[in-house]
N, C-alpha and C. Protein backbone atom coordinates (compact mmCIF):
# COMPACT_ATOMS: atom_id res chain seq x y z
N UNK A 1 -3.61 -1.76 -20.75
CA UNK A 1 -1.92 -2.48 -20.11
C UNK A 1 -2.81 -2.88 -18.49
N UNK A 2 -1.89 -3.88 -17.95
CA UNK A 2 -2.84 -4.43 -16.74
C UNK A 2 -1.40 -4.38 -15.81
N UNK A 3 -1.81 -3.99 -14.25
CA UNK A 3 -1.07 -4.02 -13.22
C UNK A 3 -1.65 -4.46 -12.66
N UNK A 4 -0.10 -4.95 -11.01
CA UNK A 4 -1.07 -5.88 -10.07
C UNK A 4 -0.58 -4.72 -9.38
N UNK A 5 -1.37 -4.80 -8.25
CA UNK A 5 -1.16 -4.58 -7.12
C UNK A 5 -2.16 -5.06 -5.81
N UNK A 6 -1.65 -5.52 -4.68
CA UNK A 6 -1.64 -5.66 -3.28
C UNK A 6 -0.97 -5.21 -2.21
N UNK A 7 -2.05 -5.73 -1.17
CA UNK A 7 -1.08 -5.35 -0.02
C UNK A 7 -1.96 -6.27 1.31
N UNK A 8 -0.75 -6.77 2.05
CA UNK A 8 -0.24 -7.97 3.21
C UNK A 8 -0.30 -7.87 4.14
N UNK A 9 -0.24 -8.89 4.59
CA UNK A 9 0.04 -8.57 6.36
C UNK A 9 1.51 -9.14 6.28
N UNK A 10 2.02 -9.12 6.60
CA UNK A 10 3.87 -9.39 6.75
C UNK A 10 4.00 -9.66 8.37
N UNK A 11 4.08 -10.57 8.62
CA UNK A 11 3.73 -11.18 9.77
C UNK A 11 5.45 -11.16 10.38
N UNK A 12 6.12 -11.93 9.78
CA UNK A 12 7.65 -11.52 9.74
C UNK A 12 7.94 -10.26 10.21
N UNK A 13 7.77 -9.19 9.82
CA UNK A 13 8.25 -7.77 9.83
C UNK A 13 7.41 -7.02 11.12
N UNK A 14 6.03 -7.27 10.96
CA UNK A 14 4.64 -7.26 11.92
C UNK A 14 4.78 -5.60 11.30
N UNK A 15 4.17 -5.87 10.44
CA UNK A 15 3.72 -4.45 9.22
C UNK A 15 3.01 -4.92 8.52
N UNK A 16 2.45 -3.93 7.25
CA UNK A 16 1.86 -4.13 6.01
C UNK A 16 3.09 -4.41 5.31
N UNK A 17 2.69 -5.02 3.79
CA UNK A 17 3.39 -4.85 2.85
C UNK A 17 2.79 -4.56 1.64
N UNK A 18 3.27 -3.84 0.90
CA UNK A 18 2.74 -3.41 -0.36
C UNK A 18 3.61 -3.97 -1.47
N UNK A 19 2.78 -4.98 -2.78
CA UNK A 19 3.22 -5.72 -3.59
C UNK A 19 2.70 -4.95 -4.57
N UNK A 20 3.25 -4.07 -5.31
CA UNK A 20 2.86 -3.46 -6.89
C UNK A 20 3.90 -4.16 -8.08
N UNK A 21 3.27 -4.33 -9.56
CA UNK A 21 3.66 -4.17 -10.87
C UNK A 21 2.59 -3.61 -11.97
N UNK A 22 3.77 -2.85 -12.96
CA UNK A 22 3.36 -2.43 -13.95
C UNK A 22 2.95 -3.89 -14.95
N UNK A 23 3.10 -4.89 -14.70
CA UNK A 23 2.66 -6.11 -15.06
C UNK A 23 1.77 -6.49 -14.55
N UNK A 24 0.90 -6.96 -15.16
CA UNK A 24 -0.58 -6.90 -13.99
C UNK A 24 -1.09 -8.67 -14.85
N UNK A 25 -2.43 -9.12 -14.58
CA UNK A 25 -2.49 -10.10 -14.88
C UNK A 25 -2.25 -11.57 -14.84
N UNK A 26 -0.76 -12.06 -14.15
CA UNK A 26 0.05 -13.26 -14.34
C UNK A 26 0.27 -13.18 -13.36
N UNK A 27 0.97 -14.17 -12.72
CA UNK A 27 1.70 -14.60 -10.78
C UNK A 27 2.78 -13.50 -10.51
N UNK A 28 2.18 -12.74 -9.72
CA UNK A 28 3.44 -11.74 -9.54
C UNK A 28 4.63 -12.91 -8.92
N UNK A 29 4.93 -14.18 -8.30
CA UNK A 29 6.07 -14.42 -8.19
C UNK A 29 6.59 -14.93 -9.07
N UNK A 30 6.60 -14.54 -10.60
CA UNK A 30 7.08 -14.65 -11.95
C UNK A 30 7.43 -12.92 -12.49
N UNK A 31 7.01 -11.98 -11.79
CA UNK A 31 7.36 -11.11 -12.21
C UNK A 31 8.67 -10.27 -11.41
N UNK A 32 9.50 -9.86 -12.81
CA UNK A 32 10.53 -9.29 -11.68
C UNK A 32 11.10 -8.21 -11.65
N UNK A 33 10.10 -7.09 -11.86
CA UNK A 33 10.15 -5.56 -11.39
C UNK A 33 8.90 -5.52 -10.91
N UNK A 34 9.23 -5.89 -9.42
CA UNK A 34 8.33 -5.74 -8.80
C UNK A 34 8.68 -4.71 -7.45
N UNK A 35 7.51 -3.97 -7.05
CA UNK A 35 7.74 -2.96 -5.94
C UNK A 35 7.70 -2.93 -4.46
N UNK A 36 8.36 -3.26 -3.78
CA UNK A 36 7.20 -3.39 -2.54
C UNK A 36 7.61 -2.95 -1.55
N UNK A 37 7.27 -2.71 -1.00
CA UNK A 37 6.78 -1.34 0.55
C UNK A 37 6.63 -1.77 1.96
N UNK A 38 7.22 -1.60 2.46
CA UNK A 38 6.45 -2.23 3.39
C UNK A 38 6.45 -0.97 4.59
N UNK A 39 4.57 -0.49 5.48
CA UNK A 39 4.16 0.64 5.62
C UNK A 39 3.55 0.22 7.17
N UNK A 40 4.36 -0.55 7.86
CA UNK A 40 3.28 -0.32 8.86
C UNK A 40 2.17 -0.79 9.13
N UNK A 41 1.73 -0.92 10.41
CA UNK A 41 -0.02 -1.34 10.61
C UNK A 41 -1.18 -0.40 10.50
N UNK A 42 -0.57 1.12 10.12
CA UNK A 42 -1.61 1.85 10.23
C UNK A 42 -2.04 1.86 8.72
N UNK A 43 -3.46 2.62 7.95
CA UNK A 43 -3.35 3.04 6.55
C UNK A 43 -2.70 3.67 5.87
N UNK A 44 -2.60 3.83 4.82
CA UNK A 44 -1.16 3.98 3.63
C UNK A 44 -1.28 5.15 3.71
N UNK A 45 -0.70 6.27 4.23
CA UNK A 45 -0.40 7.46 3.93
C UNK A 45 0.00 7.54 2.26
N UNK A 46 -0.87 8.91 1.56
CA UNK A 46 -0.84 9.33 0.64
C UNK A 46 0.31 9.57 0.14
N UNK A 47 1.60 10.18 0.38
CA UNK A 47 2.73 10.43 -0.10
C UNK A 47 2.84 8.91 -0.77
N UNK A 48 2.93 7.66 0.17
CA UNK A 48 3.27 6.52 -0.25
C UNK A 48 3.42 6.35 -0.88
N UNK A 49 1.82 6.65 -1.11
CA UNK A 49 0.78 5.86 -2.57
C UNK A 49 1.56 6.12 -3.68
N UNK A 50 1.10 7.54 -3.52
CA UNK A 50 1.77 8.29 -5.14
C UNK A 50 3.48 8.01 -4.98
N UNK A 51 4.30 7.55 -4.34
CA UNK A 51 5.90 7.04 -4.56
C UNK A 51 5.21 5.70 -5.54
N UNK A 52 4.58 4.91 -4.91
CA UNK A 52 4.22 3.87 -5.27
C UNK A 52 4.47 3.79 -7.19
N UNK A 53 3.04 5.15 -7.03
CA UNK A 53 2.55 5.20 -8.60
C UNK A 53 2.91 5.93 -9.27
N UNK A 54 4.45 6.69 -8.66
CA UNK A 54 5.88 7.29 -9.54
C UNK A 54 6.20 6.11 -10.03
N UNK A 55 6.86 4.75 -8.69
CA UNK A 55 7.57 3.97 -9.65
C UNK A 55 7.08 3.04 -10.66
N UNK A 56 5.42 3.03 -10.46
CA UNK A 56 5.22 1.93 -11.42
C UNK A 56 5.53 2.87 -12.75
N UNK A 57 5.48 4.16 -12.53
CA UNK A 57 5.02 4.75 -14.04
C UNK A 57 4.47 5.29 -14.74
N UNK A 58 2.92 5.54 -13.67
CA UNK A 58 1.42 5.89 -13.51
C UNK A 58 1.55 7.69 -13.23
N UNK A 59 0.68 8.48 -13.91
CA UNK A 59 0.69 9.21 -14.06
C UNK A 59 -0.72 10.12 -14.51
N UNK A 60 -0.90 12.08 -14.10
CA UNK A 60 -2.89 11.91 -14.10
C UNK A 60 -3.12 11.19 -13.01
N UNK A 61 -4.64 11.02 -14.11
CA UNK A 61 -5.83 10.14 -13.81
C UNK A 61 -5.12 8.83 -13.04
N UNK A 62 -4.56 8.15 -13.84
CA UNK A 62 -3.88 6.93 -13.17
C UNK A 62 -3.39 6.94 -11.70
N UNK A 63 -2.32 8.19 -11.78
CA UNK A 63 -1.77 8.21 -10.49
C UNK A 63 -2.87 8.44 -9.07
N UNK A 64 -3.73 9.08 -9.63
CA UNK A 64 -4.63 9.53 -8.39
C UNK A 64 -5.79 8.29 -8.40
N UNK A 65 -5.88 7.67 -9.32
CA UNK A 65 -6.76 6.54 -9.00
C UNK A 65 -6.19 5.13 -8.54
N UNK A 66 -4.90 5.29 -8.29
CA UNK A 66 -4.11 4.39 -7.70
C UNK A 66 -3.77 4.30 -5.76
N UNK A 67 -3.97 5.71 -6.28
CA UNK A 67 -3.49 6.30 -4.64
C UNK A 67 -4.48 6.24 -4.20
N UNK A 68 -5.81 6.69 -4.36
CA UNK A 68 -6.94 5.87 -3.83
C UNK A 68 -7.23 4.80 -3.68
N UNK A 69 -7.07 3.84 -4.71
CA UNK A 69 -6.94 2.41 -4.67
C UNK A 69 -6.24 1.92 -3.42
N UNK A 70 -5.25 2.26 -3.49
CA UNK A 70 -4.31 1.48 -2.40
C UNK A 70 -5.07 2.00 -0.94
N UNK A 71 -4.68 3.09 -0.82
CA UNK A 71 -5.56 4.16 0.57
C UNK A 71 -7.26 3.18 1.05
N UNK A 72 -7.64 2.71 -0.47
CA UNK A 72 -9.07 1.99 0.24
C UNK A 72 -9.09 0.88 0.69
N UNK A 73 -7.89 0.01 -0.27
CA UNK A 73 -7.33 -1.67 -0.05
C UNK A 73 -6.80 -1.14 1.77
N UNK A 74 -6.23 0.11 1.92
CA UNK A 74 -5.36 -0.61 3.57
C UNK A 74 -6.32 -0.27 4.16
N UNK A 75 -7.79 0.62 4.26
CA UNK A 75 -8.61 0.78 4.57
C UNK A 75 -9.53 -0.74 4.90
N UNK A 76 -9.52 -1.44 4.26
CA UNK A 76 -10.09 -2.94 4.03
C UNK A 76 -9.01 -3.85 5.07
N UNK A 77 -7.98 -4.06 4.94
CA UNK A 77 -7.14 -4.76 5.34
C UNK A 77 -7.95 -4.39 6.95
N UNK A 78 -7.20 -3.06 7.43
CA UNK A 78 -6.98 -2.93 8.60
C UNK A 78 -8.40 -3.34 9.02
N UNK A 79 -9.61 -2.55 8.86
CA UNK A 79 -11.41 -2.94 9.57
C UNK A 79 -11.85 -4.67 9.33
N UNK A 80 -11.01 -5.06 8.18
CA UNK A 80 -12.03 -6.30 8.32
C UNK A 80 -10.35 -7.56 8.23
N UNK A 81 -9.56 -6.95 9.08
CA UNK A 81 -8.61 -8.14 9.24
C UNK A 81 -7.58 -8.91 8.14
N UNK A 82 -7.53 -7.96 7.59
CA UNK A 82 -7.65 -9.12 6.34
C UNK A 82 -6.12 -9.34 6.34
N UNK A 83 -6.33 -10.47 5.47
CA UNK A 83 -4.13 -10.96 5.30
C UNK A 83 -3.81 -10.63 4.49
N UNK A 84 -4.55 -9.99 3.32
CA UNK A 84 -4.56 -9.78 1.49
C UNK A 84 -5.86 -9.68 1.01
N UNK A 85 -4.69 -8.25 0.48
CA UNK A 85 -6.01 -7.61 -0.33
C UNK A 85 -5.07 -7.44 -1.91
N UNK A 86 -5.66 -8.23 -2.93
CA UNK A 86 -5.18 -8.02 -4.00
C UNK A 86 -5.46 -7.43 -5.41
N UNK A 87 -5.43 -7.27 -6.53
CA UNK A 87 -6.16 -6.94 -7.23
C UNK A 87 -5.34 -7.24 -8.51
N UNK A 88 -6.12 -8.06 -9.33
CA UNK A 88 -4.99 -8.37 -10.56
C UNK A 88 -5.67 -9.04 -11.66
N UNK A 89 -5.87 -8.48 -12.64
CA UNK A 89 -5.63 -7.42 -13.19
C UNK A 89 -5.98 -6.07 -12.29
N UNK A 90 -5.39 -5.03 -13.07
CA UNK A 90 -5.91 -3.38 -12.80
C UNK A 90 -5.54 -3.61 -14.03
N UNK A 91 -6.33 -2.46 -14.36
CA UNK A 91 -6.40 -1.98 -15.58
C UNK A 91 -6.50 -0.70 -15.92
N UNK A 92 -5.57 -0.10 -17.23
CA UNK A 92 -5.62 1.23 -17.10
C UNK A 92 -6.49 1.48 -18.25
N UNK A 93 -7.28 2.09 -18.48
CA UNK A 93 -8.51 1.80 -19.40
C UNK A 93 -8.41 2.83 -20.54
N UNK A 94 -8.88 3.45 -21.31
CA UNK A 94 -9.38 4.05 -22.45
C UNK A 94 -8.69 5.75 -22.11
N UNK A 95 -9.23 6.15 -20.95
CA UNK A 95 -9.75 6.93 -20.61
C UNK A 95 -8.78 7.26 -19.49
N UNK A 96 -7.39 6.24 -19.28
CA UNK A 96 -6.30 6.85 -18.33
C UNK A 96 -6.85 6.84 -16.79
N UNK A 97 -7.87 6.26 -16.87
CA UNK A 97 -8.26 5.74 -15.38
C UNK A 97 -8.12 4.35 -14.83
N UNK A 98 -8.45 4.21 -13.53
CA UNK A 98 -8.03 2.44 -13.11
C UNK A 98 -9.09 1.69 -13.25
N UNK A 99 -8.89 0.66 -13.38
CA UNK A 99 -10.61 -0.20 -13.16
C UNK A 99 -9.85 -1.83 -13.13
N UNK A 100 -10.15 -1.89 -11.67
CA UNK A 100 -10.12 -3.03 -11.37
C UNK A 100 -10.78 -4.19 -11.53
N UNK A 101 -10.28 -5.62 -12.63
CA UNK A 101 -10.80 -6.46 -13.36
C UNK A 101 -11.06 -7.68 -12.30
N UNK A 102 -10.21 -8.29 -11.49
CA UNK A 102 -10.05 -9.01 -10.33
C UNK A 102 -9.50 -9.01 -9.35
N UNK A 103 -9.89 -9.64 -7.71
CA UNK A 103 -9.60 -9.32 -7.11
C UNK A 103 -9.94 -10.26 -5.92
N UNK A 104 -8.96 -10.48 -5.05
CA UNK A 104 -9.07 -10.91 -3.43
C UNK A 104 -8.73 -10.54 -2.24
N UNK A 105 -9.41 -11.22 -1.87
CA UNK A 105 -9.19 -10.49 -0.23
C UNK A 105 -9.49 -11.93 0.78
N UNK A 106 -8.15 -12.30 1.45
CA UNK A 106 -8.04 -13.52 2.83
C UNK A 106 -7.78 -13.25 3.68
N UNK A 107 -8.99 -13.22 4.99
CA UNK A 107 -9.11 -12.85 5.55
C UNK A 107 -8.55 -13.78 7.21
N UNK A 108 -7.95 -13.18 8.05
CA UNK A 108 -7.94 -14.13 9.32
C UNK A 108 -9.12 -14.82 9.85
N UNK A 109 -9.03 -16.51 10.01
CA UNK A 109 -9.85 -16.73 10.29
C UNK A 109 -10.31 -16.59 11.57
N UNK A 110 -9.46 -16.30 12.23
CA UNK A 110 -8.87 -16.89 13.74
C UNK A 110 -10.23 -15.01 14.27
N UNK A 111 -10.36 -13.95 13.39
CA UNK A 111 -11.19 -13.19 13.13
C UNK A 111 -12.93 -12.81 13.21
N UNK A 112 -12.62 -13.99 12.24
CA UNK A 112 -13.97 -14.60 11.48
C UNK A 112 -15.47 -13.53 12.56
N UNK A 113 -15.35 -14.09 13.95
CA UNK A 113 -15.90 -13.92 14.35
C UNK A 113 -16.52 -12.94 14.94
N UNK A 114 -15.58 -11.74 14.69
CA UNK A 114 -15.84 -10.19 14.95
C UNK A 114 -16.60 -9.63 13.46
N UNK A 115 -16.22 -10.69 12.39
CA UNK A 115 -17.42 -9.99 11.29
C UNK A 115 -18.06 -10.71 10.47
N UNK A 116 -19.17 -10.67 11.28
CA UNK A 116 -20.12 -11.92 10.57
C UNK A 116 -21.00 -12.05 9.25
N UNK A 117 -20.39 -10.46 8.74
CA UNK A 117 -21.62 -9.98 7.27
C UNK A 117 -20.39 -10.46 6.70
N UNK A 118 -18.78 -11.48 6.87
CA UNK A 118 -18.01 -12.03 5.83
C UNK A 118 -18.49 -13.37 5.76
N UNK A 119 -19.10 -14.06 7.01
CA UNK A 119 -19.04 -15.35 6.99
C UNK A 119 -20.02 -15.88 5.86
N UNK A 120 -20.82 -15.24 5.09
CA UNK A 120 -21.37 -16.03 3.96
C UNK A 120 -20.81 -15.95 2.79
N UNK A 121 -19.68 -15.65 2.87
CA UNK A 121 -18.30 -15.80 1.70
C UNK A 121 -17.77 -17.05 2.29
N UNK A 122 -17.43 -17.26 3.04
CA UNK A 122 -16.54 -18.59 3.89
C UNK A 122 -16.82 -19.65 3.34
N UNK A 123 -16.20 -20.43 2.60
CA UNK A 123 -16.29 -21.97 1.85
C UNK A 123 -15.32 -23.14 3.37
N UNK A 124 -16.59 -23.32 3.28
CA UNK A 124 -16.16 -24.55 4.84
C UNK A 124 -16.57 -25.73 4.47
N UNK A 125 -16.09 -26.57 4.37
CA UNK A 125 -16.78 -28.41 4.19
C UNK A 125 -17.50 -28.06 5.67
N UNK A 126 -18.41 -29.56 4.97
CA UNK A 126 -19.14 -30.12 6.54
C UNK A 126 -18.32 -30.53 7.80
N UNK A 127 -17.23 -30.53 7.20
CA UNK A 127 -16.34 -31.28 8.44
C UNK A 127 -15.28 -29.99 9.12
N UNK A 128 -15.12 -29.16 8.53
CA UNK A 128 -14.54 -28.15 9.41
C UNK A 128 -15.63 -27.64 9.32
N UNK A 129 -17.12 -27.94 9.50
CA UNK A 129 -18.42 -26.88 10.17
C UNK A 129 -18.57 -28.05 11.36
N UNK A 130 -18.11 -29.51 11.40
CA UNK A 130 -18.28 -30.29 12.87
C UNK A 130 -17.19 -29.56 13.56
N UNK A 131 -15.98 -29.64 13.24
CA UNK A 131 -15.05 -29.41 14.03
C UNK A 131 -15.18 -28.37 14.68
N UNK A 132 -15.45 -26.63 13.88
CA UNK A 132 -15.61 -25.60 14.96
C UNK A 132 -16.82 -25.47 15.40
N UNK A 133 -17.97 -25.81 15.10
CA UNK A 133 -18.87 -26.34 16.38
C UNK A 133 -18.72 -26.87 17.80
N UNK A 134 -17.87 -27.60 17.67
CA UNK A 134 -17.12 -28.42 18.64
C UNK A 134 -15.73 -27.95 19.41
N UNK A 135 -15.69 -26.98 18.73
CA UNK A 135 -14.69 -25.85 19.52
C UNK A 135 -13.26 -27.11 18.89
N UNK A 136 -13.33 -27.37 17.77
CA UNK A 136 -11.27 -27.64 17.43
C UNK A 136 -11.19 -27.15 15.88
N UNK A 137 -10.32 -26.65 15.94
CA UNK A 137 -9.33 -26.03 14.55
C UNK A 137 -9.34 -26.85 13.70
N UNK A 138 -10.38 -27.27 12.54
CA UNK A 138 -9.22 -28.73 11.51
C UNK A 138 -9.36 -27.99 10.00
N UNK A 139 -8.23 -29.00 9.67
CA UNK A 139 -7.63 -28.25 8.10
C UNK A 139 -7.80 -29.28 7.23
N UNK A 140 -8.95 -29.82 5.91
CA UNK A 140 -8.33 -31.09 5.34
C UNK A 140 -7.55 -30.73 3.95
N UNK A 141 -7.25 -31.81 3.95
CA UNK A 141 -5.99 -31.63 3.09
C UNK A 141 -6.16 -32.83 2.37
N UNK A 142 -5.86 -33.34 0.91
CA UNK A 142 -5.95 -34.13 -0.19
C UNK A 142 -6.45 -35.33 0.63
N UNK A 143 -7.04 -35.63 -0.12
CA UNK A 143 -7.60 -37.40 0.27
C UNK A 143 -8.52 -37.23 1.67
N UNK A 144 -8.06 -38.57 2.54
CA UNK A 144 -8.77 -38.32 3.74
C UNK A 144 -8.11 -38.18 4.54
N UNK A 145 -7.26 -36.99 4.57
CA UNK A 145 -6.37 -36.67 5.46
C UNK A 145 -7.36 -34.76 6.12
N UNK A 146 -6.96 -34.69 7.26
CA UNK A 146 -7.21 -33.50 7.92
C UNK A 146 -6.14 -33.35 9.45
N UNK A 147 -5.52 -31.96 9.81
CA UNK A 147 -5.38 -32.13 10.58
C UNK A 147 -6.39 -31.42 11.69
N UNK A 148 -6.07 -31.92 12.84
CA UNK A 148 -7.13 -31.35 13.39
C UNK A 148 -5.37 -30.81 14.98
N UNK A 149 -5.90 -29.44 15.20
CA UNK A 149 -4.82 -28.27 16.10
C UNK A 149 -6.03 -27.90 17.52
N UNK A 150 -5.60 -28.58 18.07
CA UNK A 150 -6.24 -28.02 19.32
C UNK A 150 -5.12 -27.90 20.69
N UNK A 151 -5.47 -26.91 21.20
CA UNK A 151 -3.93 -26.70 22.84
C UNK A 151 -2.88 -25.36 22.07
N UNK A 152 -2.00 -25.31 23.49
CA UNK A 152 -1.29 -24.21 23.18
C UNK A 152 0.21 -25.35 22.76
N UNK A 153 0.18 -27.17 22.80
CA UNK A 153 1.84 -27.04 22.53
C UNK A 153 1.00 -28.38 21.82
């Protein structure tokens, strides 16, 4: 069985939000039965993680694993200033435990200077690198178009 689990920074509500589902391996937007919980900006508390596990129908080892994984995702998002930490799919394996089969983490580009250990994973084009060295923010679009953002207005 495949599950979905993510924690993302919900800027409009100024908190982290958990999205979980007992249906994984698919685009979460297409899943009707999602569990959504706003959890503040601190670490996810054990009781909240247990509530998510219960709502997902998990028991025993799978529920314990979900609590541990969700708390580790929470720690990761806070320490690395991540905007999203997602595991999709998160599998229930034969012994009843959970195993992350795939995942992704998206960090805030504006905080990268505080996390040099993550820079080796960053994929930026030569043009973006040149713009960064010159003190500009640049986002490449399709074709030969880019947006240069600079200043406060």
